[in-house]
């Protein structure tokens, strides 16, 4: 049985744009940001990050938290 992909809604589109914007403001390449995510314990390729920024890949909460951390965005509600 074929399944169709879940569409990315307005919040997901906004998040994808915000990730790219913040990465560029901080002067990071996709490769550098993906490497930071991997170093933080969430393996990520630059391809996965590219697809996330282009809203071609859904960003789960674990990805979002590590991307925020790698970009230096405080996530007080997500800290243990």
C-alpha atoms as a PDB file:
ATOM      1  CA  UNK A   1       0.000   0.000   0.000  1.00  0.00           C
ATOM      2  CA  UNK A   2       1.500   3.321  -1.064  1.00  0.00           C
ATOM      3  CA  UNK A   3       1.490   6.186   1.372  1.00  0.00           C
ATOM      4  CA  UNK A   4       1.657   9.791   0.416  1.00  0.00           C
ATOM      5  CA  UNK A   5       4.100  12.090   2.186  1.00  0.00           C
ATOM      6  CA  UNK A   6       2.780  14.295   4.929  1.00  0.00           C
ATOM      7  CA  UNK A   7       2.673  17.884   3.699  1.00  0.00           C
ATOM      8  CA  UNK A   8       4.632  20.532   5.534  1.00  0.00           C
ATOM      9  CA  UNK A   9       2.323  23.162   6.948  1.00  0.00           C
ATOM     10  CA  UNK A  10       2.808  26.898   7.544  1.00  0.00           C
ATOM     11  CA  UNK A  11       4.757  26.447  10.788  1.00  0.00           C
ATOM     12  CA  UNK A  12       7.095  23.987   9.088  1.00  0.00           C
ATOM     13  CA  UNK A  13       7.653  26.343   6.161  1.00  0.00           C
ATOM     14  CA  UNK A  14       8.379  29.230   8.513  1.00  0.00           C
ATOM     15  CA  UNK A  15      10.794  27.068  10.501  1.00  0.00           C
ATOM     16  CA  UNK A  16      12.619  25.961   7.346  1.00  0.00           C
ATOM     17  CA  UNK A  17      13.102  29.606   6.298  1.00  0.00           C
ATOM     18  CA  UNK A  18      14.208  30.583   9.808  1.00  0.00           C
ATOM     19  CA  UNK A  19      16.822  27.821   9.939  1.00  0.00           C
ATOM     20  CA  UNK A  20      18.333  28.949   6.646  1.00  0.00           C
ATOM     21  CA  UNK A  21      18.205  32.636   7.630  1.00  0.00           C
ATOM     22  CA  UNK A  22      19.897  32.061  10.997  1.00  0.00           C
ATOM     23  CA  UNK A  23      22.533  29.806   9.442  1.00  0.00           C
ATOM     24  CA  UNK A  24      23.406  32.494   6.886  1.00  0.00           C
ATOM     25  CA  UNK A  25      23.430  35.278   9.493  1.00  0.00           C
ATOM     26  CA  UNK A  26      25.918  33.240  11.506  1.00  0.00           C
ATOM     27  CA  UNK A  27      28.075  32.696   8.414  1.00  0.00           C
ATOM     28  CA  UNK A  28      27.758  28.913   8.429  1.00  0.00           C
ATOM     29  CA  UNK A  29      27.571  26.574   5.468  1.00  0.00           C
ATOM     30  CA  UNK A  30      25.109  23.708   5.510  1.00  0.00           C
ATOM     31  CA  UNK A  31      28.068  21.374   5.911  1.00  0.00           C
ATOM     32  CA  UNK A  32      29.301  23.277   8.992  1.00  0.00           C
ATOM     33  CA  UNK A  33      25.873  23.333  10.626  1.00  0.00           C
ATOM     34  CA  UNK A  34      25.340  19.631   9.921  1.00  0.00           C
ATOM     35  CA  UNK A  35      28.773  18.907  11.440  1.00  0.00           C
ATOM     36  CA  UNK A  36      27.811  20.868  14.569  1.00  0.00           C
ATOM     37  CA  UNK A  37      24.603  18.855  14.876  1.00  0.00           C
ATOM     38  CA  UNK A  38      26.553  15.636  14.512  1.00  0.00           C
ATOM     39  CA  UNK A  39      29.073  16.764  17.130  1.00  0.00           C
ATOM     40  CA  UNK A  40      26.153  17.440  19.490  1.00  0.00           C
ATOM     41  CA  UNK A  41      25.090  13.813  19.148  1.00  0.00           C
ATOM     42  CA  UNK A  42      22.416  14.049  16.445  1.00  0.00           C
ATOM     43  CA  UNK A  43      24.002  12.782  13.218  1.00  0.00           C
ATOM     44  CA  UNK A  44      22.935  14.935  10.296  1.00  0.00           C
ATOM     45  CA  UNK A  45      24.217  15.257   6.753  1.00  0.00           C
ATOM     46  CA  UNK A  46      24.359  18.480   4.808  1.00  0.00           C
ATOM     47  CA  UNK A  47      21.891  16.853   2.379  1.00  0.00           C
ATOM     48  CA  UNK A  48      19.376  16.332   5.194  1.00  0.00           C
ATOM     49  CA  UNK A  49      19.862  19.927   6.308  1.00  0.00           C
ATOM     50  CA  UNK A  50      19.440  21.194   2.745  1.00  0.00           C
ATOM     51  CA  UNK A  51      16.206  19.255   2.355  1.00  0.00           C
ATOM     52  CA  UNK A  52      14.997  20.615   5.713  1.00  0.00           C
ATOM     53  CA  UNK A  53      15.737  24.208   4.680  1.00  0.00           C
ATOM     54  CA  UNK A  54      13.940  23.718   1.358  1.00  0.00           C
ATOM     55  CA  UNK A  55      10.933  22.174   3.157  1.00  0.00           C
ATOM     56  CA  UNK A  56      11.471  18.870   1.363  1.00  0.00           C
ATOM     57  CA  UNK A  57      12.092  17.022   4.624  1.00  0.00           C
ATOM     58  CA  UNK A  58      10.126  17.210   7.844  1.00  0.00           C
ATOM     59  CA  UNK A  59      12.083  18.401  10.850  1.00  0.00           C
ATOM     60  CA  UNK A  60      11.254  16.381  13.958  1.00  0.00           C
ATOM     61  CA  UNK A  61      11.573  17.872  17.428  1.00  0.00           C
ATOM     62  CA  UNK A  62      14.935  16.215  18.109  1.00  0.00           C
ATOM     63  CA  UNK A  63      16.339  17.701  14.894  1.00  0.00           C
ATOM     64  CA  UNK A  64      14.875  21.091  15.743  1.00  0.00           C
ATOM     65  CA  UNK A  65      16.384  21.163  19.238  1.00  0.00           C
ATOM     66  CA  UNK A  66      19.864  20.206  18.031  1.00  0.00           C
ATOM     67  CA  UNK A  67      19.720  22.673  15.112  1.00  0.00           C
ATOM     68  CA  UNK A  68      18.673  25.445  17.507  1.00  0.00           C
ATOM     69  CA  UNK A  69      21.491  24.519  19.877  1.00  0.00           C
ATOM     70  CA  UNK A  70      24.024  24.382  17.029  1.00  0.00           C
ATOM     71  CA  UNK A  71      22.873  27.846  15.916  1.00  0.00           C
ATOM     72  CA  UNK A  72      23.216  29.208  19.463  1.00  0.00           C
ATOM     73  CA  UNK A  73      19.485  29.662  19.989  1.00  0.00           C
ATOM     74  CA  UNK A  74      18.566  29.170  23.638  1.00  0.00           C
ATOM     75  CA  UNK A  75      15.957  26.486  24.155  1.00  0.00           C
ATOM     76  CA  UNK A  76      15.254  26.714  27.906  1.00  0.00           C
ATOM     77  CA  UNK A  77      12.192  24.477  27.784  1.00  0.00           C
ATOM     78  CA  UNK A  78      14.176  21.746  26.044  1.00  0.00           C
ATOM     79  CA  UNK A  79      17.086  21.607  28.456  1.00  0.00           C
ATOM     80  CA  UNK A  80      17.182  18.677  30.900  1.00  0.00           C
END
